[in-house]
Each structure stands twice: as structure tokens, then as C-alpha cells.
Amino acid sequence: MLLFRSEEHVRRWCEMRGLSRGAVFTPEQLWTIAKPWHGRRLERDWQRFTPDEAEAVFESAGLTGAFWQFGISRGQSP
């Protein structure tokens, strides 16, 4: 994960390196994901999210689209 100060900064960084832009999200979206993703991780009964549960966490932060989908639940290969 890389941190940038603006969309323009992302664009210039990618352009200078000849890379296509990947997924971009805000610090607020990161926090929305981090709370459920790591909040119970040290508890004895913690279990990894299923692909559907993980996608729901991403969606709760407004992160949608192909990058944020595993495709497993829809019969696609991961």
C-alpha cells in the first residue's frame, strides 16, 4: 500500500513509472475496513472472513467493482 496526497499525485506517480492506476481509497475507507478486519483477530474464536463476508466489508466502505470482488461466490476463479 502506498500513500498519496491527491488523485493528481497518484496519476503523476503512475505516469512516471509507466504503471496503470490501481485501486485508490481514502483513509476513512481504510479505517472502515480495518475495524472489522482486525478488530477481533486476537480473540480465541476468531475466524477468517469468507469471500462473501470480505466483499461485504469492502462494500460497507463504498469499495465496489471488480478489484474488490473475489469472484469465488459467483463461480469464477480467484
PDB file of N, CA and C in Angstrom:
ATOM      1  N   MET A   1       0.846  -1.161   0.000  1.00  0.00           N
ATOM      2  CA  MET A   1       0.000   0.000   0.000  1.00  0.00           C
ATOM      3  C   MET A   1       0.896   1.229   0.000  1.00  0.00           C
ATOM      4  N   LEU A   2       0.546   2.162  -0.839  1.00  0.00           N
ATOM      5  CA  LEU A   2       1.248   3.438  -0.919  1.00  0.00           C
ATOM      6  C   LEU A   2       0.294   4.555  -0.529  1.00  0.00           C
ATOM      7  N   LEU A   3       0.825   5.583   0.089  1.00  0.00           N
ATOM      8  CA  LEU A   3       0.012   6.729   0.490  1.00  0.00           C
ATOM      9  C   LEU A   3       0.320   7.912  -0.418  1.00  0.00           C
ATOM     10  N   PHE A   4      -0.731   8.576  -0.874  1.00  0.00           N
ATOM     11  CA  PHE A   4      -0.602   9.741  -1.747  1.00  0.00           C
ATOM     12  C   PHE A   4      -1.451  10.872  -1.193  1.00  0.00           C
ATOM     13  N   ARG A   5      -1.098  12.089  -1.550  1.00  0.00           N
ATOM     14  CA  ARG A   5      -1.834  13.241  -1.021  1.00  0.00           C
ATOM     15  C   ARG A   5      -3.020  13.642  -1.886  1.00  0.00           C
ATOM     16  N   SER A   6      -3.090  13.141  -3.134  1.00  0.00           N
ATOM     17  CA  SER A   6      -4.209  13.515  -4.001  1.00  0.00           C
ATOM     18  C   SER A   6      -4.297  12.552  -5.184  1.00  0.00           C
ATOM     19  N   GLU A   7      -5.426  12.597  -5.873  1.00  0.00           N
ATOM     20  CA  GLU A   7      -5.594  11.808  -7.105  1.00  0.00           C
ATOM     21  C   GLU A   7      -4.548  12.226  -8.143  1.00  0.00           C
ATOM     22  N   GLU A   8      -4.262  13.519  -8.200  1.00  0.00           N
ATOM     23  CA  GLU A   8      -3.255  14.022  -9.138  1.00  0.00           C
ATOM     24  C   GLU A   8      -1.884  13.438  -8.821  1.00  0.00           C
ATOM     25  N   HIS A   9      -1.555  13.323  -7.556  1.00  0.00           N
ATOM     26  CA  HIS A   9      -0.291  12.730  -7.142  1.00  0.00           C
ATOM     27  C   HIS A   9      -0.228  11.263  -7.579  1.00  0.00           C
ATOM     28  N   VAL A  10      -1.320  10.534  -7.439  1.00  0.00           N
ATOM     29  CA  VAL A  10      -1.394   9.143  -7.894  1.00  0.00           C
ATOM     30  C   VAL A  10      -1.140   9.091  -9.398  1.00  0.00           C
ATOM     31  N   ARG A  11      -1.821   9.952 -10.134  1.00  0.00           N
ATOM     32  CA  ARG A  11      -1.686   9.967 -11.600  1.00  0.00           C
ATOM     33  C   ARG A  11      -0.246  10.216 -12.024  1.00  0.00           C
ATOM     34  N   ARG A  12       0.400  11.218 -11.432  1.00  0.00           N
ATOM     35  CA  ARG A  12       1.787  11.542 -11.793  1.00  0.00           C
ATOM     36  C   ARG A  12       2.731  10.406 -11.430  1.00  0.00           C
ATOM     37  N   TRP A  13       2.560   9.808 -10.255  1.00  0.00           N
ATOM     38  CA  TRP A  13       3.414   8.722  -9.802  1.00  0.00           C
ATOM     39  C   TRP A  13       3.328   7.540 -10.769  1.00  0.00           C
ATOM     40  N   CYS A  14       2.111   7.180 -11.160  1.00  0.00           N
ATOM     41  CA  CYS A  14       1.922   6.072 -12.098  1.00  0.00           C
ATOM     42  C   CYS A  14       2.509   6.397 -13.463  1.00  0.00           C
ATOM     43  N   GLU A  15       2.265   7.611 -13.918  1.00  0.00           N
ATOM     44  CA  GLU A  15       2.765   8.045 -15.220  1.00  0.00           C
ATOM     45  C   GLU A  15       4.287   7.995 -15.271  1.00  0.00           C
ATOM     46  N   MET A  16       4.947   8.466 -14.223  1.00  0.00           N
ATOM     47  CA  MET A  16       6.409   8.478 -14.182  1.00  0.00           C
ATOM     48  C   MET A  16       7.000   7.060 -14.212  1.00  0.00           C
ATOM     49  N   ARG A  17       6.253   6.086 -13.749  1.00  0.00           N
ATOM     50  CA  ARG A  17       6.747   4.717 -13.678  1.00  0.00           C
ATOM     51  C   ARG A  17       6.167   3.801 -14.757  1.00  0.00           C
ATOM     52  N   GLY A  18       5.313   4.370 -15.588  1.00  0.00           N
ATOM     53  CA  GLY A  18       4.699   3.582 -16.651  1.00  0.00           C
ATOM     54  C   GLY A  18       3.748   2.517 -16.128  1.00  0.00           C
ATOM     55  N   LEU A  19       3.079   2.816 -15.026  1.00  0.00           N
ATOM     56  CA  LEU A  19       2.164   1.867 -14.405  1.00  0.00           C
ATOM     57  C   LEU A  19       0.722   2.330 -14.562  1.00  0.00           C
ATOM     58  N   SER A  20      -0.182   1.364 -14.636  1.00  0.00           N
ATOM     59  CA  SER A  20      -1.590   1.727 -14.640  1.00  0.00           C
ATOM     60  C   SER A  20      -2.046   1.953 -13.203  1.00  0.00           C
ATOM     61  N   ARG A  21      -3.042   2.782 -13.051  1.00  0.00           N
ATOM     62  CA  ARG A  21      -3.547   3.117 -11.717  1.00  0.00           C
ATOM     63  C   ARG A  21      -4.284   1.922 -11.139  1.00  0.00           C
ATOM     64  N   GLY A  22      -3.984   1.601  -9.917  1.00  0.00           N
ATOM     65  CA  GLY A  22      -4.684   0.527  -9.219  1.00  0.00           C
ATOM     66  C   GLY A  22      -5.835   1.084  -8.414  1.00  0.00           C
ATOM     67  N   ALA A  23      -6.250   0.333  -7.426  1.00  0.00           N
ATOM     68  CA  ALA A  23      -7.351   0.771  -6.567  1.00  0.00           C
ATOM     69  C   ALA A  23      -6.873   1.888  -5.645  1.00  0.00           C
ATOM     70  N   VAL A  24      -7.728   2.872  -5.471  1.00  0.00           N
ATOM     71  CA  VAL A  24      -7.431   4.010  -4.606  1.00  0.00           C
ATOM     72  C   VAL A  24      -8.572   4.152  -3.618  1.00  0.00           C
ATOM     73  N   PHE A  25      -8.219   4.369  -2.347  1.00  0.00           N
ATOM     74  CA  PHE A  25      -9.250   4.581  -1.339  1.00  0.00           C
ATOM     75  C   PHE A  25      -8.763   5.590  -0.327  1.00  0.00           C
ATOM     76  N   THR A  26      -9.696   6.167   0.395  1.00  0.00           N
ATOM     77  CA  THR A  26      -9.384   7.236   1.350  1.00  0.00           C
ATOM     78  C   THR A  26      -8.976   6.642   2.702  1.00  0.00           C
ATOM     79  N   PRO A  27      -8.353   7.457   3.554  1.00  0.00           N
ATOM     80  CA  PRO A  27      -8.059   6.983   4.914  1.00  0.00           C
ATOM     81  C   PRO A  27      -9.331   6.572   5.668  1.00  0.00           C
ATOM     82  N   GLU A  28     -10.424   7.270   5.414  1.00  0.00           N
ATOM     83  CA  GLU A  28     -11.686   6.920   6.068  1.00  0.00           C
ATOM     84  C   GLU A  28     -12.159   5.530   5.637  1.00  0.00           C
ATOM     85  N   GLN A  29     -12.018   5.229   4.347  1.00  0.00           N
ATOM     86  CA  GLN A  29     -12.393   3.903   3.858  1.00  0.00           C
ATOM     87  C   GLN A  29     -11.475   2.835   4.445  1.00  0.00           C
ATOM     88  N   LEU A  30     -10.192   3.137   4.556  1.00  0.00           N
ATOM     89  CA  LEU A  30      -9.252   2.194   5.169  1.00  0.00           C
ATOM     90  C   LEU A  30      -9.670   1.888   6.605  1.00  0.00           C
ATOM     91  N   TRP A  31     -10.042   2.910   7.351  1.00  0.00           N
ATOM     92  CA  TRP A  31     -10.470   2.712   8.735  1.00  0.00           C
ATOM     93  C   TRP A  31     -11.746   1.885   8.799  1.00  0.00           C
ATOM     94  N   THR A  32     -12.668   2.133   7.884  1.00  0.00           N
ATOM     95  CA  THR A  32     -13.916   1.369   7.840  1.00  0.00           C
ATOM     96  C   THR A  32     -13.628  -0.113   7.602  1.00  0.00           C
ATOM     97  N   ILE A  33     -12.644  -0.409   6.800  1.00  0.00           N
ATOM     98  CA  ILE A  33     -12.251  -1.803   6.541  1.00  0.00           C
ATOM     99  C   ILE A  33     -11.485  -2.383   7.723  1.00  0.00           C
ATOM    100  N   ALA A  34     -10.582  -1.607   8.285  1.00  0.00           N
ATOM    101  CA  ALA A  34      -9.679  -2.112   9.330  1.00  0.00           C
ATOM    102  C   ALA A  34     -10.414  -2.537  10.592  1.00  0.00           C
ATOM    103  N   LYS A  35     -11.455  -1.806  10.959  1.00  0.00           N
ATOM    104  CA  LYS A  35     -12.165  -2.131  12.203  1.00  0.00           C
ATOM    105  C   LYS A  35     -12.700  -3.557  12.198  1.00  0.00           C
ATOM    106  N   PRO A  36     -13.508  -3.956  11.218  1.00  0.00           N
ATOM    107  CA  PRO A  36     -13.988  -5.343  11.248  1.00  0.00           C
ATOM    108  C   PRO A  36     -12.900  -6.351  10.861  1.00  0.00           C
ATOM    109  N   TRP A  37     -11.979  -5.958  10.015  1.00  0.00           N
ATOM    110  CA  TRP A  37     -10.968  -6.895   9.518  1.00  0.00           C
ATOM    111  C   TRP A  37     -10.011  -7.331  10.627  1.00  0.00           C
ATOM    112  N   HIS A  38      -9.610  -6.397  11.474  1.00  0.00           N
ATOM    113  CA  HIS A  38      -8.625  -6.700  12.505  1.00  0.00           C
ATOM    114  C   HIS A  38      -9.162  -6.616  13.926  1.00  0.00           C
ATOM    115  N   GLY A  39     -10.368  -6.113  14.100  1.00  0.00           N
ATOM    116  CA  GLY A  39     -10.906  -5.840  15.425  1.00  0.00           C
ATOM    117  C   GLY A  39     -10.975  -7.039  16.360  1.00  0.00           C
ATOM    118  N   ARG A  40     -11.261  -8.223  15.842  1.00  0.00           N
ATOM    119  CA  ARG A  40     -11.398  -9.416  16.696  1.00  0.00           C
ATOM    120  C   ARG A  40     -10.269 -10.420  16.467  1.00  0.00           C
ATOM    121  N   ARG A  41      -9.279 -10.076  15.727  1.00  0.00           N
ATOM    122  CA  ARG A  41      -8.263 -11.029  15.279  1.00  0.00           C
ATOM    123  C   ARG A  41      -7.547 -11.747  16.431  1.00  0.00           C
ATOM    124  N   LEU A  42      -7.409 -11.138  17.566  1.00  0.00           N
ATOM    125  CA  LEU A  42      -6.703 -11.768  18.683  1.00  0.00           C
ATOM    126  C   LEU A  42      -7.613 -12.585  19.592  1.00  0.00           C
ATOM    127  N   GLU A  43      -8.890 -12.593  19.295  1.00  0.00           N
ATOM    128  CA  GLU A  43      -9.814 -13.387  20.108  1.00  0.00           C
ATOM    129  C   GLU A  43      -9.700 -14.865  19.740  1.00  0.00           C
ATOM    130  N   ARG A  44      -9.872 -15.703  20.748  1.00  0.00           N
ATOM    131  CA  ARG A  44      -9.694 -17.144  20.573  1.00  0.00           C
ATOM    132  C   ARG A  44     -10.602 -17.733  19.488  1.00  0.00           C
ATOM    133  N   ASP A  45     -11.833 -17.251  19.380  1.00  0.00           N
ATOM    134  CA  ASP A  45     -12.776 -17.823  18.421  1.00  0.00           C
ATOM    135  C   ASP A  45     -12.783 -17.106  17.066  1.00  0.00           C
ATOM    136  N   TRP A  46     -11.775 -16.275  16.805  1.00  0.00           N
ATOM    137  CA  TRP A  46     -11.713 -15.545  15.543  1.00  0.00           C
ATOM    138  C   TRP A  46     -11.608 -16.520  14.376  1.00  0.00           C
ATOM    139  N   GLN A  47     -12.310 -16.211  13.307  1.00  0.00           N
ATOM    140  CA  GLN A  47     -12.209 -16.978  12.072  1.00  0.00           C
ATOM    141  C   GLN A  47     -12.087 -16.014  10.907  1.00  0.00           C
ATOM    142  N   ARG A  48     -11.332 -16.444   9.929  1.00  0.00           N
ATOM    143  CA  ARG A  48     -11.147 -15.645   8.722  1.00  0.00           C
ATOM    144  C   ARG A  48     -12.495 -15.400   8.045  1.00  0.00           C
ATOM    145  N   PHE A  49     -12.634 -14.226   7.415  1.00  0.00           N
ATOM    146  CA  PHE A  49     -13.849 -13.932   6.667  1.00  0.00           C
ATOM    147  C   PHE A  49     -13.969 -14.863   5.468  1.00  0.00           C
ATOM    148  N   THR A  50     -15.191 -15.227   5.142  1.00  0.00           N
ATOM    149  CA  THR A  50     -15.441 -15.908   3.877  1.00  0.00           C
ATOM    150  C   THR A  50     -15.308 -14.858   2.769  1.00  0.00           C
ATOM    151  N   PRO A  51     -15.160 -15.279   1.520  1.00  0.00           N
ATOM    152  CA  PRO A  51     -15.108 -14.282   0.440  1.00  0.00           C
ATOM    153  C   PRO A  51     -16.327 -13.363   0.423  1.00  0.00           C
ATOM    154  N   ASP A  52     -17.517 -13.913   0.654  1.00  0.00           N
ATOM    155  CA  ASP A  52     -18.719 -13.068   0.681  1.00  0.00           C
ATOM    156  C   ASP A  52     -18.674 -12.055   1.819  1.00  0.00           C
ATOM    157  N   GLU A  53     -18.206 -12.484   2.999  1.00  0.00           N
ATOM    158  CA  GLU A  53     -18.098 -11.567   4.140  1.00  0.00           C
ATOM    159  C   GLU A  53     -17.067 -10.476   3.860  1.00  0.00           C
ATOM    160  N   ALA A  54     -15.943 -10.854   3.262  1.00  0.00           N
ATOM    161  CA  ALA A  54     -14.908  -9.865   2.939  1.00  0.00           C
ATOM    162  C   ALA A  54     -15.442  -8.843   1.944  1.00  0.00           C
ATOM    163  N   GLU A  55     -16.156  -9.312   0.926  1.00  0.00           N
ATOM    164  CA  GLU A  55     -16.738  -8.386  -0.036  1.00  0.00           C
ATOM    165  C   GLU A  55     -17.730  -7.438   0.632  1.00  0.00           C
ATOM    166  N   ALA A  56     -18.483  -7.936   1.614  1.00  0.00           N
ATOM    167  CA  ALA A  56     -19.430  -7.091   2.345  1.00  0.00           C
ATOM    168  C   ALA A  56     -18.688  -6.006   3.129  1.00  0.00           C
ATOM    169  N   VAL A  57     -17.534  -6.351   3.697  1.00  0.00           N
ATOM    170  CA  VAL A  57     -16.726  -5.353   4.414  1.00  0.00           C
ATOM    171  C   VAL A  57     -16.268  -4.272   3.438  1.00  0.00           C
ATOM    172  N   PHE A  58     -15.766  -4.677   2.274  1.00  0.00           N
ATOM    173  CA  PHE A  58     -15.341  -3.701   1.276  1.00  0.00           C
ATOM    174  C   PHE A  58     -16.507  -2.816   0.854  1.00  0.00           C
ATOM    175  N   GLU A  59     -17.650  -3.454   0.601  1.00  0.00           N
ATOM    176  CA  GLU A  59     -18.827  -2.700   0.159  1.00  0.00           C
ATOM    177  C   GLU A  59     -19.285  -1.701   1.220  1.00  0.00           C
ATOM    178  N   SER A  60     -19.140  -2.060   2.503  1.00  0.00           N
ATOM    179  CA  SER A  60     -19.544  -1.149   3.580  1.00  0.00           C
ATOM    180  C   SER A  60     -18.721   0.135   3.579  1.00  0.00           C
ATOM    181  N   ALA A  61     -17.535   0.066   2.985  1.00  0.00           N
ATOM    182  CA  ALA A  61     -16.676   1.245   2.879  1.00  0.00           C
ATOM    183  C   ALA A  61     -16.844   1.946   1.534  1.00  0.00           C
ATOM    184  N   GLY A  62     -17.793   1.465   0.724  1.00  0.00           N
ATOM    185  CA  GLY A  62     -18.008   2.074  -0.583  1.00  0.00           C
ATOM    186  C   GLY A  62     -17.040   1.580  -1.638  1.00  0.00           C
ATOM    187  N   LEU A  63     -16.346   0.484  -1.352  1.00  0.00           N
ATOM    188  CA  LEU A  63     -15.371  -0.062  -2.288  1.00  0.00           C
ATOM    189  C   LEU A  63     -16.041  -1.173  -3.092  1.00  0.00           C
ATOM    190  N   THR A  64     -16.366  -0.865  -4.315  1.00  0.00           N
ATOM    191  CA  THR A  64     -17.063  -1.808  -5.176  1.00  0.00           C
ATOM    192  C   THR A  64     -16.305  -1.930  -6.489  1.00  0.00           C
ATOM    193  N   GLY A  65     -16.723  -2.828  -7.299  1.00  0.00           N
ATOM    194  CA  GLY A  65     -16.072  -3.019  -8.586  1.00  0.00           C
ATOM    195  C   GLY A  65     -15.226  -4.273  -8.582  1.00  0.00           C
ATOM    196  N   ALA A  66     -14.711  -4.622  -9.739  1.00  0.00           N
ATOM    197  CA  ALA A  66     -14.001  -5.888  -9.931  1.00  0.00           C
ATOM    198  C   ALA A  66     -12.801  -6.056  -8.992  1.00  0.00           C
ATOM    199  N   PHE A  67     -12.067  -4.978  -8.705  1.00  0.00           N
ATOM    200  CA  PHE A  67     -10.879  -5.096  -7.854  1.00  0.00           C
ATOM    201  C   PHE A  67     -11.234  -5.627  -6.469  1.00  0.00           C
ATOM    202  N   TRP A  68     -12.404  -5.267  -5.971  1.00  0.00           N
ATOM    203  CA  TRP A  68     -12.800  -5.595  -4.607  1.00  0.00           C
ATOM    204  C   TRP A  68     -13.624  -6.880  -4.516  1.00  0.00           C
ATOM    205  N   GLN A  69     -13.749  -7.589  -5.607  1.00  0.00           N
ATOM    206  CA  GLN A  69     -14.532  -8.819  -5.626  1.00  0.00           C
ATOM    207  C   GLN A  69     -13.623 -10.023  -5.830  1.00  0.00           C
ATOM    208  N   PHE A  70     -13.901 -11.073  -5.113  1.00  0.00           N
ATOM    209  CA  PHE A  70     -13.113 -12.296  -5.238  1.00  0.00           C
ATOM    210  C   PHE A  70     -13.604 -13.183  -6.369  1.00  0.00           C
ATOM    211  N   GLY A  71     -14.887 -13.122  -6.690  1.00  0.00           N
ATOM    212  CA  GLY A  71     -15.434 -13.927  -7.763  1.00  0.00           C
ATOM    213  C   GLY A  71     -15.715 -15.361  -7.410  1.00  0.00           C
ATOM    214  N   ILE A  72     -15.290 -15.801  -6.241  1.00  0.00           N
ATOM    215  CA  ILE A  72     -15.444 -17.201  -5.840  1.00  0.00           C
ATOM    216  C   ILE A  72     -16.916 -17.559  -5.691  1.00  0.00           C
ATOM    217  N   SER A  73     -17.681 -16.679  -5.077  1.00  0.00           N
ATOM    218  CA  SER A  73     -19.083 -16.981  -4.818  1.00  0.00           C
ATOM    219  C   SER A  73     -19.917 -16.983  -6.095  1.00  0.00           C
ATOM    220  N   ARG A  74     -19.363 -16.428  -7.160  1.00  0.00           N
ATOM    221  CA  ARG A  74     -20.078 -16.384  -8.419  1.00  0.00           C
ATOM    222  C   ARG A  74     -19.556 -17.421  -9.404  1.00  0.00           C
ATOM    223  N   GLY A  75     -18.806 -18.412  -8.907  1.00  0.00           N
ATOM    224  CA  GLY A  75     -18.333 -19.486  -9.765  1.00  0.00           C
ATOM    225  C   GLY A  75     -17.142 -19.117 -10.633  1.00  0.00           C
ATOM    226  N   GLN A  76     -16.489 -17.998 -10.338  1.00  0.00           N
ATOM    227  CA  GLN A  76     -15.313 -17.586 -11.108  1.00  0.00           C
ATOM    228  C   GLN A  76     -14.079 -18.027 -10.362  1.00  0.00           C
ATOM    229  N   SER A  77     -12.972 -18.140 -11.064  1.00  0.00           N
ATOM    230  CA  SER A  77     -11.730 -18.496 -10.398  1.00  0.00           C
ATOM    231  C   SER A  77     -11.191 -17.280  -9.677  1.00  0.00           C
ATOM    232  N   PRO A  78     -10.492 -17.492  -8.539  1.00  0.00           N
ATOM    233  CA  PRO A  78      -9.967 -16.355  -7.770  1.00  0.00           C
ATOM    234  C   PRO A  78      -8.879 -15.607  -8.499  1.00  0.00           C
TER     235      PRO A  78
END
